[in-house]
Amino acid sequence: MTQAERQAAYRKRQWQALMAAASQPEGQPTGAILNALGLLLGTLDDPEKADLHESQRWAAGRAVRELCERYGLKPFSSQ
């Protein structure tokens, strides 16, 4: 396998992890969840993708809940 093929395979695995974390964050690696969350929140800034905003908010909320549960964080607390 050439270096270019290895890099392409790596990018494909990273993309698959990102998509898995965006659709079902439970049990996914933290890095993948954070990358998915960044992608989801980024689409909320795009007015041309307004038809996706409700589902993106829902998926982002799910990712945040998973991270909060995983690390014992209390959102909206004054810690």
C-alpha atoms as a PDB file:
ATOM      1  CA  MET A   1       0.000   0.000   0.000  1.00  0.00           C
ATOM      2  CA  THR A   2       1.421   3.372  -0.967  1.00  0.00           C
ATOM      3  CA  GLN A   3       1.548   6.363   1.358  1.00  0.00           C
ATOM      4  CA  ALA A   4      -1.274   7.995  -0.597  1.00  0.00           C
ATOM      5  CA  GLU A   5      -3.431   4.880  -0.221  1.00  0.00           C
ATOM      6  CA  ARG A   6      -2.722   4.715   3.520  1.00  0.00           C
ATOM      7  CA  GLN A   7      -3.642   8.381   3.893  1.00  0.00           C
ATOM      8  CA  ALA A   8      -6.846   7.880   1.906  1.00  0.00           C
ATOM      9  CA  ALA A   9      -7.768   4.890   4.098  1.00  0.00           C
ATOM     10  CA  TYR A  10      -7.045   6.951   7.233  1.00  0.00           C
ATOM     11  CA  ARG A  11      -9.275   9.790   6.024  1.00  0.00           C
ATOM     12  CA  LYS A  12     -12.026   7.317   5.204  1.00  0.00           C
ATOM     13  CA  ARG A  13     -11.857   5.819   8.728  1.00  0.00           C
ATOM     14  CA  GLN A  14     -11.912   9.293  10.268  1.00  0.00           C
ATOM     15  CA  TRP A  15     -14.953  10.271   8.179  1.00  0.00           C
ATOM     16  CA  GLN A  16     -16.768   7.057   9.105  1.00  0.00           C
ATOM     17  CA  ALA A  17     -16.060   7.690  12.805  1.00  0.00           C
ATOM     18  CA  LEU A  18     -17.362  11.245  12.434  1.00  0.00           C
ATOM     19  CA  MET A  19     -20.574  10.081  10.782  1.00  0.00           C
ATOM     20  CA  ALA A  20     -21.091   7.350  13.393  1.00  0.00           C
ATOM     21  CA  ALA A  21     -20.573   9.853  16.210  1.00  0.00           C
ATOM     22  CA  ALA A  22     -22.992  12.321  14.633  1.00  0.00           C
ATOM     23  CA  SER A  23     -25.741   9.739  14.263  1.00  0.00           C
ATOM     24  CA  GLN A  24     -25.160   7.785  17.490  1.00  0.00           C
ATOM     25  CA  PRO A  25     -22.580   9.293  19.870  1.00  0.00           C
ATOM     26  CA  GLU A  26     -23.039   6.673  22.580  1.00  0.00           C
ATOM     27  CA  GLY A  27     -19.900   4.550  22.825  1.00  0.00           C
ATOM     28  CA  GLN A  28     -17.967   6.529  20.199  1.00  0.00           C
ATOM     29  CA  PRO A  29     -14.492   7.957  20.879  1.00  0.00           C
ATOM     30  CA  THR A  30     -14.484  11.427  22.429  1.00  0.00           C
ATOM     31  CA  GLY A  31     -12.506  12.918  19.547  1.00  0.00           C
ATOM     32  CA  ALA A  32     -15.047  11.685  17.025  1.00  0.00           C
ATOM     33  CA  ILE A  33     -17.916  13.111  19.088  1.00  0.00           C
ATOM     34  CA  LEU A  34     -16.184  16.487  19.344  1.00  0.00           C
ATOM     35  CA  ASN A  35     -15.489  16.556  15.611  1.00  0.00           C
ATOM     36  CA  ALA A  36     -19.107  15.634  14.882  1.00  0.00           C
ATOM     37  CA  LEU A  37     -20.317  18.312  17.299  1.00  0.00           C
ATOM     38  CA  GLY A  38     -18.192  20.910  15.505  1.00  0.00           C
ATOM     39  CA  LEU A  39     -19.642  19.857  12.170  1.00  0.00           C
ATOM     40  CA  LEU A  40     -23.201  19.908  13.514  1.00  0.00           C
ATOM     41  CA  LEU A  41     -22.817  23.332  15.130  1.00  0.00           C
ATOM     42  CA  GLY A  42     -21.158  24.691  11.996  1.00  0.00           C
ATOM     43  CA  THR A  43     -24.230  23.874   9.922  1.00  0.00           C
ATOM     44  CA  LEU A  44     -26.383  25.845  12.343  1.00  0.00           C
ATOM     45  CA  ASP A  45     -24.558  29.002  11.254  1.00  0.00           C
ATOM     46  CA  ASP A  46     -25.407  28.397   7.594  1.00  0.00           C
ATOM     47  CA  PRO A  47     -28.741  30.039   6.666  1.00  0.00           C
ATOM     48  CA  GLU A  48     -28.804  28.047   3.417  1.00  0.00           C
ATOM     49  CA  LYS A  49     -29.120  24.853   5.484  1.00  0.00           C
ATOM     50  CA  ALA A  50     -32.025  26.112   7.594  1.00  0.00           C
ATOM     51  CA  ASP A  51     -34.093  23.069   6.668  1.00  0.00           C
ATOM     52  CA  LEU A  52     -31.541  20.907   8.542  1.00  0.00           C
ATOM     53  CA  HIS A  53     -31.336  23.040  11.682  1.00  0.00           C
ATOM     54  CA  GLU A  54     -33.904  21.136  13.748  1.00  0.00           C
ATOM     55  CA  SER A  55     -32.267  17.757  13.158  1.00  0.00           C
ATOM     56  CA  GLN A  56     -28.790  19.250  13.632  1.00  0.00           C
ATOM     57  CA  ARG A  57     -29.828  20.768  16.984  1.00  0.00           C
ATOM     58  CA  TRP A  58     -31.234  17.418  18.072  1.00  0.00           C
ATOM     59  CA  ALA A  59     -28.045  15.548  17.086  1.00  0.00           C
ATOM     60  CA  ALA A  60     -25.821  18.196  18.715  1.00  0.00           C
ATOM     61  CA  GLY A  61     -27.843  17.970  21.925  1.00  0.00           C
ATOM     62  CA  ARG A  62     -27.427  14.219  21.922  1.00  0.00           C
ATOM     63  CA  ALA A  63     -23.659  14.575  21.513  1.00  0.00           C
ATOM     64  CA  VAL A  64     -23.475  17.112  24.357  1.00  0.00           C
ATOM     65  CA  ARG A  65     -25.544  14.863  26.624  1.00  0.00           C
ATOM     66  CA  GLU A  66     -23.231  11.931  25.904  1.00  0.00           C
ATOM     67  CA  LEU A  67     -20.143  13.987  26.764  1.00  0.00           C
ATOM     68  CA  CYS A  68     -21.771  15.331  29.943  1.00  0.00           C
ATOM     69  CA  GLU A  69     -22.724  11.851  31.092  1.00  0.00           C
ATOM     70  CA  ARG A  70     -19.334  10.426  30.185  1.00  0.00           C
ATOM     71  CA  TYR A  71     -17.368  13.025  32.129  1.00  0.00           C
ATOM     72  CA  GLY A  72     -19.842  13.804  34.900  1.00  0.00           C
ATOM     73  CA  LEU A  73     -20.421  17.363  33.722  1.00  0.00           C
ATOM     74  CA  LYS A  74     -23.436  19.344  34.797  1.00  0.00           C
ATOM     75  CA  PRO A  75     -24.562  21.682  32.044  1.00  0.00           C
ATOM     76  CA  PHE A  76     -25.790  25.069  33.186  1.00  0.00           C
ATOM     77  CA  SER A  77     -24.217  24.661  36.613  1.00  0.00           C
ATOM     78  CA  SER A  78     -22.165  27.358  38.314  1.00  0.00           C
ATOM     79  CA  GLN A  79     -19.169  25.163  39.159  1.00  0.00           C
END
